[in-house]
């Protein structure tokens, strides 16, 4: 009623011009604090799908948007540009967009991990010993390793790729979120629970026991005091302090 095309908001981002962007199932919305402006297939020729699943603001201020089947969108200089199969993006469901410390852009889809090279997308998985995978989360740790989670965990360093899977269950092998906290620990959230890997990645992360089990973990955020907030499917929001859940919301 206030200007959103749909009540299903899937992603949020803010650009340097202070606009708030909302990815909805009915289009991309820009909010200036008073009014909503809608961008969709009717108003923008670059849009191939109205459902915006992921948003990311790059260091140079460029806004990137991933759609549920229509590929990748770039908003720069007041104009949209789409990237799809003709640009090397062989899967149009873009779940995650990430920029590493070297300024390289990575795109995770339902069918592959891609790196932006110039104006083209190059697929990284499915070759060189790296299996094909879907991608739900991308994180870069302090040592410059790219941690890619989806069906299993892919760890990319310069000239090397290591891939790990869980033998515990199919749900345990389905990674939804990865984050490294200020104390150096790496956290991995799967459909079946949450792991903490002390001191970061050292070998097989699935060898670490569940800190929290039987919970579908989908989002992680560390606050300024070092507490970890855990978003779940079906169990609300959990607050973790000193290795134990202290509150549920």
C-alpha atoms as a PDB file:
ATOM      1  CA  UNK A   1       0.000   0.000   0.000  1.00  0.00           C
ATOM      2  CA  UNK A   2       3.015   2.304   0.511  1.00  0.00           C
ATOM      3  CA  UNK A   3       4.540   1.585  -2.894  1.00  0.00           C
ATOM      4  CA  UNK A   4       6.141  -1.843  -2.771  1.00  0.00           C
ATOM      5  CA  UNK A   5       5.032  -4.043  -5.702  1.00  0.00           C
ATOM      6  CA  UNK A   6       4.920  -7.133  -3.457  1.00  0.00           C
ATOM      7  CA  UNK A   7       5.061  -7.883   0.272  1.00  0.00           C
ATOM      8  CA  UNK A   8       7.807 -10.483  -0.332  1.00  0.00           C
ATOM      9  CA  UNK A   9      11.116  -8.600   0.249  1.00  0.00           C
ATOM     10  CA  UNK A  10      14.116 -10.865  -0.411  1.00  0.00           C
ATOM     11  CA  UNK A  11      17.196  -8.605  -0.338  1.00  0.00           C
ATOM     12  CA  UNK A  12      18.374  -5.198   0.900  1.00  0.00           C
ATOM     13  CA  UNK A  13      21.283  -2.921  -0.064  1.00  0.00           C
ATOM     14  CA  UNK A  14      22.301   0.719   0.262  1.00  0.00           C
ATOM     15  CA  UNK A  15      24.305   2.639  -2.312  1.00  0.00           C
ATOM     16  CA  UNK A  16      26.701   5.565  -1.616  1.00  0.00           C
ATOM     17  CA  UNK A  17      24.015   8.053  -2.697  1.00  0.00           C
ATOM     18  CA  UNK A  18      22.137   6.808   0.413  1.00  0.00           C
ATOM     19  CA  UNK A  19      19.269   5.218  -1.466  1.00  0.00           C
ATOM     20  CA  UNK A  20      17.902   2.027   0.057  1.00  0.00           C
ATOM     21  CA  UNK A  21      17.268  -0.726  -2.478  1.00  0.00           C
ATOM     22  CA  UNK A  22      14.787  -3.533  -1.862  1.00  0.00           C
ATOM     23  CA  UNK A  23      14.690  -6.692  -3.935  1.00  0.00           C
ATOM     24  CA  UNK A  24      11.151  -8.038  -4.088  1.00  0.00           C
ATOM     25  CA  UNK A  25       9.405 -10.824  -5.959  1.00  0.00           C
ATOM     26  CA  UNK A  26       7.781  -8.128  -8.119  1.00  0.00           C
ATOM     27  CA  UNK A  27      10.770  -5.956  -9.006  1.00  0.00           C
ATOM     28  CA  UNK A  28      13.612  -3.827  -7.686  1.00  0.00           C
ATOM     29  CA  UNK A  29      12.607  -0.848  -5.568  1.00  0.00           C
ATOM     30  CA  UNK A  30      14.579   2.294  -4.685  1.00  0.00           C
ATOM     31  CA  UNK A  31      13.552   4.140  -1.520  1.00  0.00           C
ATOM     32  CA  UNK A  32      14.629   7.721  -0.760  1.00  0.00           C
ATOM     33  CA  UNK A  33      13.066   7.835   2.704  1.00  0.00           C
ATOM     34  CA  UNK A  34       9.700   9.053   1.424  1.00  0.00           C
ATOM     35  CA  UNK A  35       8.852   7.452  -1.911  1.00  0.00           C
ATOM     36  CA  UNK A  36       9.418   4.135  -3.653  1.00  0.00           C
ATOM     37  CA  UNK A  37      10.530   3.955  -7.292  1.00  0.00           C
ATOM     38  CA  UNK A  38       9.953   0.623  -9.038  1.00  0.00           C
ATOM     39  CA  UNK A  39      12.199  -0.926 -11.695  1.00  0.00           C
ATOM     40  CA  UNK A  40      10.875  -3.998 -13.511  1.00  0.00           C
ATOM     41  CA  UNK A  41      10.347  -5.513 -16.953  1.00  0.00           C
ATOM     42  CA  UNK A  42       7.731  -2.918 -17.826  1.00  0.00           C
ATOM     43  CA  UNK A  43       9.989   0.041 -17.083  1.00  0.00           C
ATOM     44  CA  UNK A  44      13.481  -1.348 -17.825  1.00  0.00           C
ATOM     45  CA  UNK A  45      14.379  -3.323 -20.994  1.00  0.00           C
ATOM     46  CA  UNK A  46      17.384  -4.878 -19.186  1.00  0.00           C
ATOM     47  CA  UNK A  47      15.115  -6.819 -16.825  1.00  0.00           C
ATOM     48  CA  UNK A  48      14.433 -10.406 -17.860  1.00  0.00           C
ATOM     49  CA  UNK A  49      12.793 -11.402 -14.570  1.00  0.00           C
ATOM     50  CA  UNK A  50      11.099  -9.272 -11.937  1.00  0.00           C
ATOM     51  CA  UNK A  51      11.980 -11.374  -8.904  1.00  0.00           C
ATOM     52  CA  UNK A  52      15.141  -9.951  -7.282  1.00  0.00           C
ATOM     53  CA  UNK A  53      16.730 -12.536  -4.987  1.00  0.00           C
ATOM     54  CA  UNK A  54      20.112 -10.968  -4.092  1.00  0.00           C
ATOM     55  CA  UNK A  55      21.642  -7.474  -3.914  1.00  0.00           C
ATOM     56  CA  UNK A  56      25.225  -6.286  -3.451  1.00  0.00           C
ATOM     57  CA  UNK A  57      26.909  -2.868  -3.441  1.00  0.00           C
ATOM     58  CA  UNK A  58      30.481  -2.993  -4.753  1.00  0.00           C
ATOM     59  CA  UNK A  59      33.329  -0.832  -3.455  1.00  0.00           C
ATOM     60  CA  UNK A  60      32.999   1.511  -6.447  1.00  0.00           C
ATOM     61  CA  UNK A  61      29.319   2.098  -5.651  1.00  0.00           C
ATOM     62  CA  UNK A  62      27.926  -0.151  -8.385  1.00  0.00           C
ATOM     63  CA  UNK A  63      24.735  -1.967  -7.447  1.00  0.00           C
ATOM     64  CA  UNK A  64      24.487  -5.611  -8.513  1.00  0.00           C
ATOM     65  CA  UNK A  65      21.234  -7.555  -8.449  1.00  0.00           C
ATOM     66  CA  UNK A  66      20.618 -11.277  -8.880  1.00  0.00           C
ATOM     67  CA  UNK A  67      17.309 -12.518 -10.178  1.00  0.00           C
ATOM     68  CA  UNK A  68      15.389 -15.781  -9.833  1.00  0.00           C
ATOM     69  CA  UNK A  69      15.994 -16.971 -13.371  1.00  0.00           C
ATOM     70  CA  UNK A  70      16.704 -13.777 -15.311  1.00  0.00           C
ATOM     71  CA  UNK A  71      20.427 -13.575 -14.648  1.00  0.00           C
ATOM     72  CA  UNK A  72      22.495 -10.708 -13.261  1.00  0.00           C
ATOM     73  CA  UNK A  73      21.800  -6.956 -13.343  1.00  0.00           C
ATOM     74  CA  UNK A  74      24.233  -4.065 -12.953  1.00  0.00           C
ATOM     75  CA  UNK A  75      23.143  -0.526 -12.061  1.00  0.00           C
ATOM     76  CA  UNK A  76      25.806   2.077 -12.758  1.00  0.00           C
ATOM     77  CA  UNK A  77      25.600   5.699 -13.845  1.00  0.00           C
ATOM     78  CA  UNK A  78      21.820   5.650 -13.716  1.00  0.00           C
ATOM     79  CA  UNK A  79      21.476   2.763 -16.181  1.00  0.00           C
ATOM     80  CA  UNK A  80      20.880  -0.982 -15.964  1.00  0.00           C
ATOM     81  CA  UNK A  81      22.822  -3.644 -17.858  1.00  0.00           C
ATOM     82  CA  UNK A  82      21.927  -7.334 -17.832  1.00  0.00           C
ATOM     83  CA  UNK A  83      24.242 -10.353 -17.959  1.00  0.00           C
ATOM     84  CA  UNK A  84      22.987 -13.741 -19.089  1.00  0.00           C
ATOM     85  CA  UNK A  85      23.856 -16.788 -21.157  1.00  0.00           C
ATOM     86  CA  UNK A  86      25.382 -14.708 -23.964  1.00  0.00           C
ATOM     87  CA  UNK A  87      27.840 -13.292 -21.403  1.00  0.00           C
ATOM     88  CA  UNK A  88      28.802 -16.706 -20.014  1.00  0.00           C
ATOM     89  CA  UNK A  89      26.266 -16.945 -17.188  1.00  0.00           C
ATOM     90  CA  UNK A  90      24.850 -20.396 -17.919  1.00  0.00           C
ATOM     91  CA  UNK A  91      22.455 -20.400 -14.931  1.00  0.00           C
ATOM     92  CA  UNK A  92      20.050 -17.509 -14.411  1.00  0.00           C
ATOM     93  CA  UNK A  93      19.174 -18.014 -10.712  1.00  0.00           C
ATOM     94  CA  UNK A  94      21.704 -15.770  -8.933  1.00  0.00           C
ATOM     95  CA  UNK A  95      21.720 -16.527  -5.211  1.00  0.00           C
ATOM     96  CA  UNK A  96      24.789 -14.602  -4.031  1.00  0.00           C
ATOM     97  CA  UNK A  97      27.072 -11.801  -5.269  1.00  0.00           C
ATOM     98  CA  UNK A  98      30.427 -11.117  -3.604  1.00  0.00           C
ATOM     99  CA  UNK A  99      33.455  -8.868  -4.117  1.00  0.00           C
ATOM    100  CA  UNK A 100      36.788 -10.020  -2.684  1.00  0.00           C
ATOM    101  CA  UNK A 101      39.612  -7.847  -1.323  1.00  0.00           C
ATOM    102  CA  UNK A 102      41.238  -7.714  -4.762  1.00  0.00           C
ATOM    103  CA  UNK A 103      38.084  -6.254  -6.294  1.00  0.00           C
ATOM    104  CA  UNK A 104      37.101  -9.439  -8.137  1.00  0.00           C
ATOM    105  CA  UNK A 105      33.369 -10.071  -8.446  1.00  0.00           C
ATOM    106  CA  UNK A 106      32.040 -13.579  -7.822  1.00  0.00           C
ATOM    107  CA  UNK A 107      28.572 -14.818  -8.723  1.00  0.00           C
ATOM    108  CA  UNK A 108      26.979 -17.869  -7.117  1.00  0.00           C
ATOM    109  CA  UNK A 109      24.059 -19.504  -8.894  1.00  0.00           C
ATOM    110  CA  UNK A 110      21.899 -22.604  -8.716  1.00  0.00           C
ATOM    111  CA  UNK A 111      24.228 -24.114 -11.295  1.00  0.00           C
ATOM    112  CA  UNK A 112      27.762 -22.873 -10.859  1.00  0.00           C
ATOM    113  CA  UNK A 113      30.273 -20.377  -9.495  1.00  0.00           C
ATOM    114  CA  UNK A 114      31.288 -17.560 -11.843  1.00  0.00           C
ATOM    115  CA  UNK A 115      33.893 -14.794 -11.829  1.00  0.00           C
ATOM    116  CA  UNK A 116      33.403 -11.514 -13.659  1.00  0.00           C
ATOM    117  CA  UNK A 117      36.269 -10.940 -16.097  1.00  0.00           C
ATOM    118  CA  UNK A 118      35.844  -7.701 -17.996  1.00  0.00           C
ATOM    119  CA  UNK A 119      32.271  -7.793 -19.260  1.00  0.00           C
ATOM    120  CA  UNK A 120      32.040 -11.582 -19.295  1.00  0.00           C
ATOM    121  CA  UNK A 121      31.421 -14.295 -16.711  1.00  0.00           C
ATOM    122  CA  UNK A 122      33.789 -17.256 -16.467  1.00  0.00           C
ATOM    123  CA  UNK A 123      32.634 -20.456 -14.794  1.00  0.00           C
ATOM    124  CA  UNK A 124      35.014 -21.717 -12.096  1.00  0.00           C
ATOM    125  CA  UNK A 125      33.473 -25.019 -10.971  1.00  0.00           C
ATOM    126  CA  UNK A 126      33.191 -28.148 -13.063  1.00  0.00           C
ATOM    127  CA  UNK A 127      36.823 -28.129 -14.191  1.00  0.00           C
ATOM    128  CA  UNK A 128      40.360 -28.449 -12.845  1.00  0.00           C
ATOM    129  CA  UNK A 129      39.310 -30.939 -10.213  1.00  0.00           C
ATOM    130  CA  UNK A 130      36.524 -28.696  -8.900  1.00  0.00           C
ATOM    131  CA  UNK A 131      33.120 -30.450  -9.007  1.00  0.00           C
ATOM    132  CA  UNK A 132      29.999 -28.790 -10.297  1.00  0.00           C
ATOM    133  CA  UNK A 133      28.043 -27.212  -7.476  1.00  0.00           C
ATOM    134  CA  UNK A 134      25.235 -24.886  -6.582  1.00  0.00           C
ATOM    135  CA  UNK A 135      26.260 -21.844  -4.527  1.00  0.00           C
ATOM    136  CA  UNK A 136      24.411 -20.245  -1.610  1.00  0.00           C
ATOM    137  CA  UNK A 137      27.160 -18.373   0.259  1.00  0.00           C
ATOM    138  CA  UNK A 138      30.573 -16.829  -0.438  1.00  0.00           C
ATOM    139  CA  UNK A 139      33.022 -15.531   2.169  1.00  0.00           C
ATOM    140  CA  UNK A 140      36.668 -14.449   2.115  1.00  0.00           C
ATOM    141  CA  UNK A 141      38.734 -15.186   5.216  1.00  0.00           C
ATOM    142  CA  UNK A 142      41.669 -13.216   6.629  1.00  0.00           C
ATOM    143  CA  UNK A 143      44.169 -15.344   4.751  1.00  0.00           C
ATOM    144  CA  UNK A 144      42.586 -14.465   1.426  1.00  0.00           C
ATOM    145  CA  UNK A 145      40.886 -17.810   0.861  1.00  0.00           C
ATOM    146  CA  UNK A 146      37.535 -17.776  -0.865  1.00  0.00           C
ATOM    147  CA  UNK A 147      35.052 -20.026   0.937  1.00  0.00           C
ATOM    148  CA  UNK A 148      32.187 -21.079  -1.305  1.00  0.00           C
ATOM    149  CA  UNK A 149      29.290 -22.954   0.241  1.00  0.00           C
ATOM    150  CA  UNK A 150      26.412 -24.752  -1.417  1.00  0.00           C
ATOM    151  CA  UNK A 151      26.486 -28.463  -2.051  1.00  0.00           C
ATOM    152  CA  UNK A 152      29.638 -28.934   0.019  1.00  0.00           C
ATOM    153  CA  UNK A 153      32.400 -26.422   0.651  1.00  0.00           C
ATOM    154  CA  UNK A 154      34.879 -25.205  -1.951  1.00  0.00           C
ATOM    155  CA  UNK A 155      38.041 -23.449  -0.692  1.00  0.00           C
ATOM    156  CA  UNK A 156      39.908 -21.437  -3.334  1.00  0.00           C
ATOM    157  CA  UNK A 157      43.418 -20.095  -2.857  1.00  0.00           C
ATOM    158  CA  UNK A 158      45.830 -18.891  -5.510  1.00  0.00           C
ATOM    159  CA  UNK A 159      46.486 -21.898  -7.741  1.00  0.00           C
ATOM    160  CA  UNK A 160      44.674 -24.384  -5.517  1.00  0.00           C
ATOM    161  CA  UNK A 161      41.152 -25.658  -4.947  1.00  0.00           C
ATOM    162  CA  UNK A 162      40.017 -27.932  -2.113  1.00  0.00           C
ATOM    163  CA  UNK A 163      36.512 -29.375  -1.909  1.00  0.00           C
ATOM    164  CA  UNK A 164      34.895 -30.915   1.193  1.00  0.00           C
ATOM    165  CA  UNK A 165      31.640 -32.751   1.738  1.00  0.00           C
ATOM    166  CA  UNK A 166      29.857 -34.195   4.752  1.00  0.00           C
ATOM    167  CA  UNK A 167      29.133 -37.894   5.083  1.00  0.00           C
ATOM    168  CA  UNK A 168      26.771 -37.314   8.008  1.00  0.00           C
ATOM    169  CA  UNK A 169      23.623 -36.560   5.985  1.00  0.00           C
ATOM    170  CA  UNK A 170      22.389 -34.811   2.868  1.00  0.00           C
ATOM    171  CA  UNK A 171      21.122 -31.908   4.991  1.00  0.00           C
ATOM    172  CA  UNK A 172      24.511 -31.526   6.680  1.00  0.00           C
ATOM    173  CA  UNK A 173      26.143 -31.238   3.273  1.00  0.00           C
ATOM    174  CA  UNK A 174      23.877 -28.357   2.251  1.00  0.00           C
ATOM    175  CA  UNK A 175      25.629 -25.114   3.308  1.00  0.00           C
ATOM    176  CA  UNK A 176      23.548 -21.958   3.526  1.00  0.00           C
ATOM    177  CA  UNK A 177      25.864 -19.401   5.135  1.00  0.00           C
ATOM    178  CA  UNK A 178      29.559 -18.890   6.025  1.00  0.00           C
ATOM    179  CA  UNK A 179      31.142 -16.157   8.131  1.00  0.00           C
ATOM    180  CA  UNK A 180      34.461 -15.473   9.853  1.00  0.00           C
ATOM    181  CA  UNK A 181      34.191 -13.585  13.143  1.00  0.00           C
ATOM    182  CA  UNK A 182      36.609 -11.145  14.764  1.00  0.00           C
ATOM    183  CA  UNK A 183      38.217 -13.880  16.874  1.00  0.00           C
ATOM    184  CA  UNK A 184      39.309 -15.700  13.702  1.00  0.00           C
ATOM    185  CA  UNK A 185      36.799 -18.531  13.935  1.00  0.00           C
ATOM    186  CA  UNK A 186      34.950 -19.645  10.822  1.00  0.00           C
ATOM    187  CA  UNK A 187      31.261 -20.453  11.175  1.00  0.00           C
ATOM    188  CA  UNK A 188      29.399 -22.713   8.768  1.00  0.00           C
ATOM    189  CA  UNK A 189      25.610 -22.922   8.803  1.00  0.00           C
ATOM    190  CA  UNK A 190      23.889 -25.833   7.093  1.00  0.00           C
ATOM    191  CA  UNK A 191      20.357 -27.160   6.879  1.00  0.00           C
ATOM    192  CA  UNK A 192      21.183 -29.410   9.830  1.00  0.00           C
ATOM    193  CA  UNK A 193      23.046 -27.047  12.163  1.00  0.00           C
ATOM    194  CA  UNK A 194      25.992 -24.764  12.917  1.00  0.00           C
ATOM    195  CA  UNK A 195      29.715 -25.474  13.188  1.00  0.00           C
ATOM    196  CA  UNK A 196      32.516 -23.347  14.599  1.00  0.00           C
ATOM    197  CA  UNK A 197      36.010 -23.958  13.216  1.00  0.00           C
ATOM    198  CA  UNK A 198      38.552 -22.530  15.642  1.00  0.00           C
ATOM    199  CA  UNK A 199      41.323 -20.469  14.074  1.00  0.00           C
ATOM    200  CA  UNK A 200      39.797 -20.630  10.611  1.00  0.00           C
ATOM    201  CA  UNK A 201      39.982 -23.272   7.920  1.00  0.00           C
ATOM    202  CA  UNK A 202      42.425 -26.075   8.662  1.00  0.00           C
ATOM    203  CA  UNK A 203      41.541 -29.181   6.677  1.00  0.00           C
ATOM    204  CA  UNK A 204      38.078 -30.756   6.558  1.00  0.00           C
ATOM    205  CA  UNK A 205      35.561 -28.405   8.249  1.00  0.00           C
ATOM    206  CA  UNK A 206      32.991 -31.197   8.534  1.00  0.00           C
ATOM    207  CA  UNK A 207      35.209 -32.951  11.070  1.00  0.00           C
ATOM    208  CA  UNK A 208      34.235 -30.270  13.599  1.00  0.00           C
ATOM    209  CA  UNK A 209      31.157 -31.217  15.665  1.00  0.00           C
ATOM    210  CA  UNK A 210      27.919 -29.270  15.546  1.00  0.00           C
ATOM    211  CA  UNK A 211      27.767 -26.433  18.047  1.00  0.00           C
ATOM    212  CA  UNK A 212      24.038 -26.313  17.370  1.00  0.00           C
ATOM    213  CA  UNK A 213      22.279 -29.282  15.778  1.00  0.00           C
ATOM    214  CA  UNK A 214      18.912 -29.982  14.148  1.00  0.00           C
ATOM    215  CA  UNK A 215      18.472 -26.322  13.166  1.00  0.00           C
ATOM    216  CA  UNK A 216      18.311 -24.966   9.612  1.00  0.00           C
ATOM    217  CA  UNK A 217      20.780 -22.055   9.764  1.00  0.00           C
ATOM    218  CA  UNK A 218      20.414 -19.511   6.951  1.00  0.00           C
ATOM    219  CA  UNK A 219      22.064 -16.261   8.165  1.00  0.00           C
ATOM    220  CA  UNK A 220      24.881 -15.170  10.507  1.00  0.00           C
ATOM    221  CA  UNK A 221      25.825 -11.719  11.793  1.00  0.00           C
ATOM    222  CA  UNK A 222      28.404 -10.683  14.391  1.00  0.00           C
ATOM    223  CA  UNK A 223      27.541  -7.504  16.310  1.00  0.00           C
ATOM    224  CA  UNK A 224      29.970  -4.933  17.741  1.00  0.00           C
ATOM    225  CA  UNK A 225      30.172  -6.711  21.084  1.00  0.00           C
ATOM    226  CA  UNK A 226      31.187 -10.019  19.481  1.00  0.00           C
ATOM    227  CA  UNK A 227      27.832 -11.736  19.896  1.00  0.00           C
ATOM    228  CA  UNK A 228      26.651 -13.905  17.012  1.00  0.00           C
ATOM    229  CA  UNK A 229      23.104 -13.575  15.712  1.00  0.00           C
ATOM    230  CA  UNK A 230      21.765 -16.650  13.935  1.00  0.00           C
ATOM    231  CA  UNK A 231      18.871 -16.571  11.494  1.00  0.00           C
ATOM    232  CA  UNK A 232      17.040 -19.867  11.035  1.00  0.00           C
ATOM    233  CA  UNK A 233      14.165 -21.433   9.177  1.00  0.00           C
ATOM    234  CA  UNK A 234      11.581 -22.484  11.740  1.00  0.00           C
ATOM    235  CA  UNK A 235      13.459 -21.562  14.932  1.00  0.00           C
ATOM    236  CA  UNK A 236      13.417 -17.779  14.730  1.00  0.00           C
ATOM    237  CA  UNK A 237      16.529 -15.760  15.631  1.00  0.00           C
ATOM    238  CA  UNK A 238      19.080 -17.143  18.094  1.00  0.00           C
ATOM    239  CA  UNK A 239      21.645 -15.110  20.030  1.00  0.00           C
ATOM    240  CA  UNK A 240      24.940 -16.866  20.739  1.00  0.00           C
ATOM    241  CA  UNK A 241      27.326 -15.619  23.406  1.00  0.00           C
ATOM    242  CA  UNK A 242      30.487 -17.408  24.636  1.00  0.00           C
ATOM    243  CA  UNK A 243      29.598 -20.505  22.666  1.00  0.00           C
ATOM    244  CA  UNK A 244      26.051 -20.964  23.928  1.00  0.00           C
ATOM    245  CA  UNK A 245      22.590 -19.800  22.966  1.00  0.00           C
ATOM    246  CA  UNK A 246      21.494 -17.191  25.480  1.00  0.00           C
ATOM    247  CA  UNK A 247      18.267 -16.017  23.876  1.00  0.00           C
ATOM    248  CA  UNK A 248      15.695 -17.000  21.252  1.00  0.00           C
ATOM    249  CA  UNK A 249      13.444 -14.584  19.415  1.00  0.00           C
END
